[in-house]
């Protein structure tokens, strides 16, 4: 029995170690934000191969969305994910589609109208303020955008304010091993935790089943999120 208890304790400690925040290194240079995608990149965001390359259903399923949920798609671009989120939370849920480029939000509106998706609210944000409603969000989704945030610290603080007490974040970033993507647009797990944990977020889960990306699920560290029923 004692051996069994010791084995279980070691397993728990190993799990905690996997999710522990990395120790800051004085020799490691601070990560520089990548260049923000230009409006001319709209075709890349809506490319025919994106569904197969990213398998967005993995993200949607991991979020366990339901009718009535309130979600923010930060860095929504043309709304590739916003439209999928909107269908998942319909008919009573809402998706706040945030971006700092009005040209991309215009494309988002056109595509949502063409697909008769009516529960998306476009929001023109700023580099340091996503302009999200405070305390109303069940989920915040960021897909391949966090590494482009030019002022990540105030944005992380704003995300915390926007979440409900039980709210969560789904963060998608290209793995460091995805060689055909520029290094500036990839993030290691250590880089992610180095920035998100000190900002008051707690890593809940890491999902590795996406073809090229890694999906992180966070909640707010000060409270134990109630289970979603």
Protein backbone atom coordinates (compact mmCIF):
# COMPACT_ATOMS: atom_id res chain seq x y z
CA UNK A 1 0.00 0.00 0.00
CA UNK A 2 2.83 2.40 0.93
CA UNK A 3 4.57 1.77 -2.37
CA UNK A 4 1.32 2.50 -4.19
CA UNK A 5 0.83 5.78 -2.32
CA UNK A 6 4.39 6.84 -3.08
CA UNK A 7 3.92 6.06 -6.77
CA UNK A 8 0.72 8.12 -6.90
CA UNK A 9 2.42 11.02 -5.11
CA UNK A 10 5.31 10.96 -7.56
CA UNK A 11 2.86 10.96 -10.48
CA UNK A 12 1.05 14.03 -9.08
CA UNK A 13 4.34 15.86 -8.52
CA UNK A 14 5.41 15.08 -12.09
CA UNK A 15 2.15 16.51 -13.43
CA UNK A 16 2.56 19.68 -11.38
CA UNK A 17 6.11 20.04 -12.66
CA UNK A 18 4.89 19.89 -16.25
CA UNK A 19 2.58 22.88 -15.68
CA UNK A 20 4.84 24.86 -13.33
CA UNK A 21 5.86 28.29 -14.64
CA UNK A 22 9.39 28.38 -16.00
CA UNK A 23 12.07 30.15 -14.01
CA UNK A 24 13.05 33.46 -15.60
CA UNK A 25 16.49 33.45 -17.16
CA UNK A 26 18.61 36.58 -16.97
CA UNK A 27 20.51 35.48 -20.08
CA UNK A 28 17.52 34.78 -22.30
CA UNK A 29 16.55 37.79 -24.44
CA UNK A 30 13.02 39.08 -24.19
CA UNK A 31 10.76 37.88 -26.99
CA UNK A 32 10.01 40.50 -29.62
CA UNK A 33 6.45 40.68 -30.99
CA UNK A 34 6.10 39.64 -34.60
CA UNK A 35 4.88 41.96 -37.32
CA UNK A 36 1.10 42.25 -37.48
CA UNK A 37 -0.48 40.69 -40.56
CA UNK A 38 -1.43 43.31 -43.14
CA UNK A 39 -4.95 43.66 -44.59
CA UNK A 40 -3.53 42.19 -47.80
CA UNK A 41 -3.19 38.93 -45.88
CA UNK A 42 -6.96 38.39 -45.88
CA UNK A 43 -6.64 35.73 -48.58
CA UNK A 44 -4.16 33.79 -46.39
CA UNK A 45 -6.64 33.81 -43.51
CA UNK A 46 -9.35 32.39 -45.79
CA UNK A 47 -7.18 30.02 -47.85
CA UNK A 48 -8.86 26.80 -49.01
CA UNK A 49 -6.31 24.61 -47.23
CA UNK A 50 -6.74 26.20 -43.79
CA UNK A 51 -9.49 23.85 -42.64
CA UNK A 52 -7.30 20.82 -43.29
CA UNK A 53 -4.09 22.40 -42.03
CA UNK A 54 -5.51 23.62 -38.72
CA UNK A 55 -8.57 21.46 -38.04
CA UNK A 56 -10.49 24.22 -36.23
CA UNK A 57 -13.01 21.68 -34.95
CA UNK A 58 -10.38 20.56 -32.44
CA UNK A 59 -10.42 24.03 -30.89
CA UNK A 60 -14.20 24.33 -30.95
CA UNK A 61 -14.66 20.89 -29.37
CA UNK A 62 -12.05 21.60 -26.67
CA UNK A 63 -13.91 24.77 -25.69
CA UNK A 64 -17.13 22.78 -25.13
CA UNK A 65 -19.21 25.70 -26.30
CA UNK A 66 -22.96 25.74 -25.75
CA UNK A 67 -25.96 27.85 -26.62
CA UNK A 68 -25.80 31.20 -24.86
CA UNK A 69 -22.04 31.39 -24.31
CA UNK A 70 -20.34 34.75 -24.75
CA UNK A 71 -17.02 34.47 -26.56
CA UNK A 72 -14.37 36.89 -27.80
CA UNK A 73 -12.25 36.10 -30.84
CA UNK A 74 -9.22 38.36 -30.36
CA UNK A 75 -7.36 39.10 -33.56
CA UNK A 76 -10.35 37.76 -35.46
CA UNK A 77 -9.12 38.96 -38.83
CA UNK A 78 -11.61 37.92 -41.50
CA UNK A 79 -13.66 35.86 -39.04
CA UNK A 80 -12.52 32.38 -40.01
CA UNK A 81 -12.95 31.27 -36.39
CA UNK A 82 -15.57 33.85 -35.43
CA UNK A 83 -18.12 32.36 -37.80
CA UNK A 84 -17.52 28.88 -36.40
CA UNK A 85 -17.75 30.13 -32.84
CA UNK A 86 -20.97 31.97 -33.62
CA UNK A 87 -22.63 28.81 -34.90
CA UNK A 88 -21.48 26.89 -31.83
CA UNK A 89 -23.06 29.35 -29.37
CA UNK A 90 -26.23 30.09 -31.42
CA UNK A 91 -28.99 31.00 -31.17
CA UNK A 92 -28.57 32.91 -27.91
CA UNK A 93 -24.80 33.29 -27.66
CA UNK A 94 -22.65 36.16 -28.89
CA UNK A 95 -19.17 36.41 -30.40
CA UNK A 96 -17.19 39.63 -30.03
CA UNK A 97 -14.85 39.68 -33.03
CA UNK A 98 -11.92 41.92 -32.13
CA UNK A 99 -9.25 43.25 -34.44
CA UNK A 100 -7.15 46.40 -34.77
CA UNK A 101 -7.51 46.59 -38.55
CA UNK A 102 -10.83 47.94 -39.83
CA UNK A 103 -10.17 46.56 -43.31
CA UNK A 104 -10.17 42.99 -41.97
CA UNK A 105 -13.30 43.64 -39.92
CA UNK A 106 -15.01 44.83 -43.11
CA UNK A 107 -14.21 41.49 -44.74
CA UNK A 108 -15.48 39.72 -41.61
CA UNK A 109 -18.81 41.55 -41.83
CA UNK A 110 -19.20 40.67 -45.52
CA UNK A 111 -18.48 36.99 -44.97
CA UNK A 112 -20.75 36.76 -41.93
CA UNK A 113 -23.57 38.38 -43.89
CA UNK A 114 -23.01 36.04 -46.85
CA UNK A 115 -23.24 33.03 -44.51
CA UNK A 116 -26.23 34.54 -42.63
CA UNK A 117 -24.34 34.55 -39.32
CA UNK A 118 -25.97 37.27 -37.25
CA UNK A 119 -24.58 36.86 -33.72
CA UNK A 120 -21.12 38.40 -34.29
CA UNK A 121 -20.32 41.85 -32.90
CA UNK A 122 -17.24 43.37 -34.57
CA UNK A 123 -14.99 45.40 -32.24
CA UNK A 124 -12.20 47.68 -33.42
CA UNK A 125 -9.59 47.40 -30.68
CA UNK A 126 -6.30 49.12 -29.95
CA UNK A 127 -2.79 47.78 -29.42
CA UNK A 128 -3.15 47.99 -25.64
CA UNK A 129 -6.94 47.64 -25.28
CA UNK A 130 -9.14 45.00 -26.92
CA UNK A 131 -12.28 47.02 -26.02
CA UNK A 132 -14.03 43.93 -24.63
CA UNK A 133 -16.90 44.11 -22.12
CA UNK A 134 -15.72 43.52 -18.55
CA UNK A 135 -16.74 40.40 -16.66
CA UNK A 136 -19.00 39.01 -19.41
CA UNK A 137 -16.95 36.45 -21.34
CA UNK A 138 -17.10 32.68 -20.98
CA UNK A 139 -14.18 32.26 -23.38
CA UNK A 140 -11.49 34.28 -25.12
CA UNK A 141 -9.93 32.70 -28.20
CA UNK A 142 -6.63 33.80 -29.73
CA UNK A 143 -5.47 31.93 -32.83
CA UNK A 144 -1.96 32.65 -34.12
CA UNK A 145 -2.27 36.24 -32.89
CA UNK A 146 -0.77 36.51 -29.41
CA UNK A 147 2.79 36.56 -30.77
CA UNK A 148 1.79 39.65 -32.81
CA UNK A 149 0.44 41.68 -29.88
CA UNK A 150 2.69 44.71 -29.70
CA UNK A 151 1.74 45.45 -26.08
CA UNK A 152 0.99 42.04 -24.54
CA UNK A 153 1.07 43.05 -20.85
CA UNK A 154 -1.91 45.47 -20.89
CA UNK A 155 -3.75 43.11 -23.22
CA UNK A 156 -3.34 40.19 -20.80
CA UNK A 157 -4.64 42.39 -17.99
CA UNK A 158 -7.62 43.36 -20.13
CA UNK A 159 -8.37 39.71 -20.90
CA UNK A 160 -8.58 38.93 -17.18
CA UNK A 161 -11.00 41.80 -16.63
CA UNK A 162 -13.19 40.65 -19.51
CA UNK A 163 -13.58 37.06 -18.28
CA UNK A 164 -16.30 35.83 -16.00
CA UNK A 165 -15.07 34.21 -12.74
CA UNK A 166 -15.36 30.83 -14.48
CA UNK A 167 -14.10 32.12 -17.84
CA UNK A 168 -11.28 30.52 -19.78
CA UNK A 169 -8.84 31.29 -22.58
CA UNK A 170 -8.05 29.13 -25.59
CA UNK A 171 -4.67 30.11 -27.00
CA UNK A 172 -3.45 28.64 -30.28
CA UNK A 173 0.15 29.14 -31.43
CA UNK A 174 2.33 27.44 -34.03
CA UNK A 175 4.72 24.94 -32.53
CA UNK A 176 8.42 25.77 -32.56
CA UNK A 177 8.94 22.75 -34.86
CA UNK A 178 6.68 24.07 -37.64
CA UNK A 179 9.56 24.95 -39.92
CA UNK A 180 7.65 26.51 -42.83
CA UNK A 181 6.37 29.25 -40.50
CA UNK A 182 8.70 32.14 -39.68
CA UNK A 183 10.34 31.78 -36.23
CA UNK A 184 8.81 35.09 -35.15
CA UNK A 185 5.37 33.53 -35.61
CA UNK A 186 6.07 30.42 -33.52
CA UNK A 187 6.16 30.04 -29.74
CA UNK A 188 7.53 27.39 -27.43
CA UNK A 189 5.53 26.27 -24.43
CA UNK A 190 8.14 27.88 -22.18
CA UNK A 191 7.69 31.24 -23.92
CA UNK A 192 3.92 31.05 -23.50
CA UNK A 193 4.05 30.17 -19.81
CA UNK A 194 6.74 32.76 -19.14
CA UNK A 195 4.30 35.49 -20.16
CA UNK A 196 0.87 34.12 -19.24
CA UNK A 197 1.55 32.72 -15.76
CA UNK A 198 2.99 35.95 -14.29
CA UNK A 199 -0.04 37.76 -15.74
CA UNK A 200 -2.30 35.73 -13.45
CA UNK A 201 -3.36 32.86 -15.68
CA UNK A 202 -3.19 29.18 -14.81
CA UNK A 203 -2.51 26.49 -17.37
CA UNK A 204 -5.29 23.91 -17.34
CA UNK A 205 -4.48 21.80 -20.36
CA UNK A 206 -2.24 21.55 -23.41
CA UNK A 207 -3.68 19.88 -26.51
CA UNK A 208 -1.20 18.60 -29.09
CA UNK A 209 -3.58 17.04 -31.63
CA UNK A 210 -3.66 19.98 -34.04
CA UNK A 211 -1.47 19.33 -37.10
CA UNK A 212 0.84 22.32 -36.74
CA UNK A 213 -0.28 24.25 -33.69
CA UNK A 214 -0.47 23.82 -29.94
CA UNK A 215 -3.66 24.63 -28.03
CA UNK A 216 -3.37 25.95 -24.48
CA UNK A 217 -6.34 26.24 -22.12
CA UNK A 218 -6.00 28.78 -19.30
CA UNK A 219 -8.18 29.98 -16.48
CA UNK A 220 -7.61 32.76 -13.95
CA UNK A 221 -5.14 31.74 -11.25
CA UNK A 222 -6.73 33.39 -8.19
CA UNK A 223 -9.84 31.27 -8.30
CA UNK A 224 -10.72 27.66 -8.91
CA UNK A 225 -12.98 27.72 -11.92
CA UNK A 226 -16.28 25.96 -11.37
CA UNK A 227 -16.88 23.01 -13.73
CA UNK A 228 -18.90 23.83 -16.81
CA UNK A 229 -22.07 21.79 -16.82
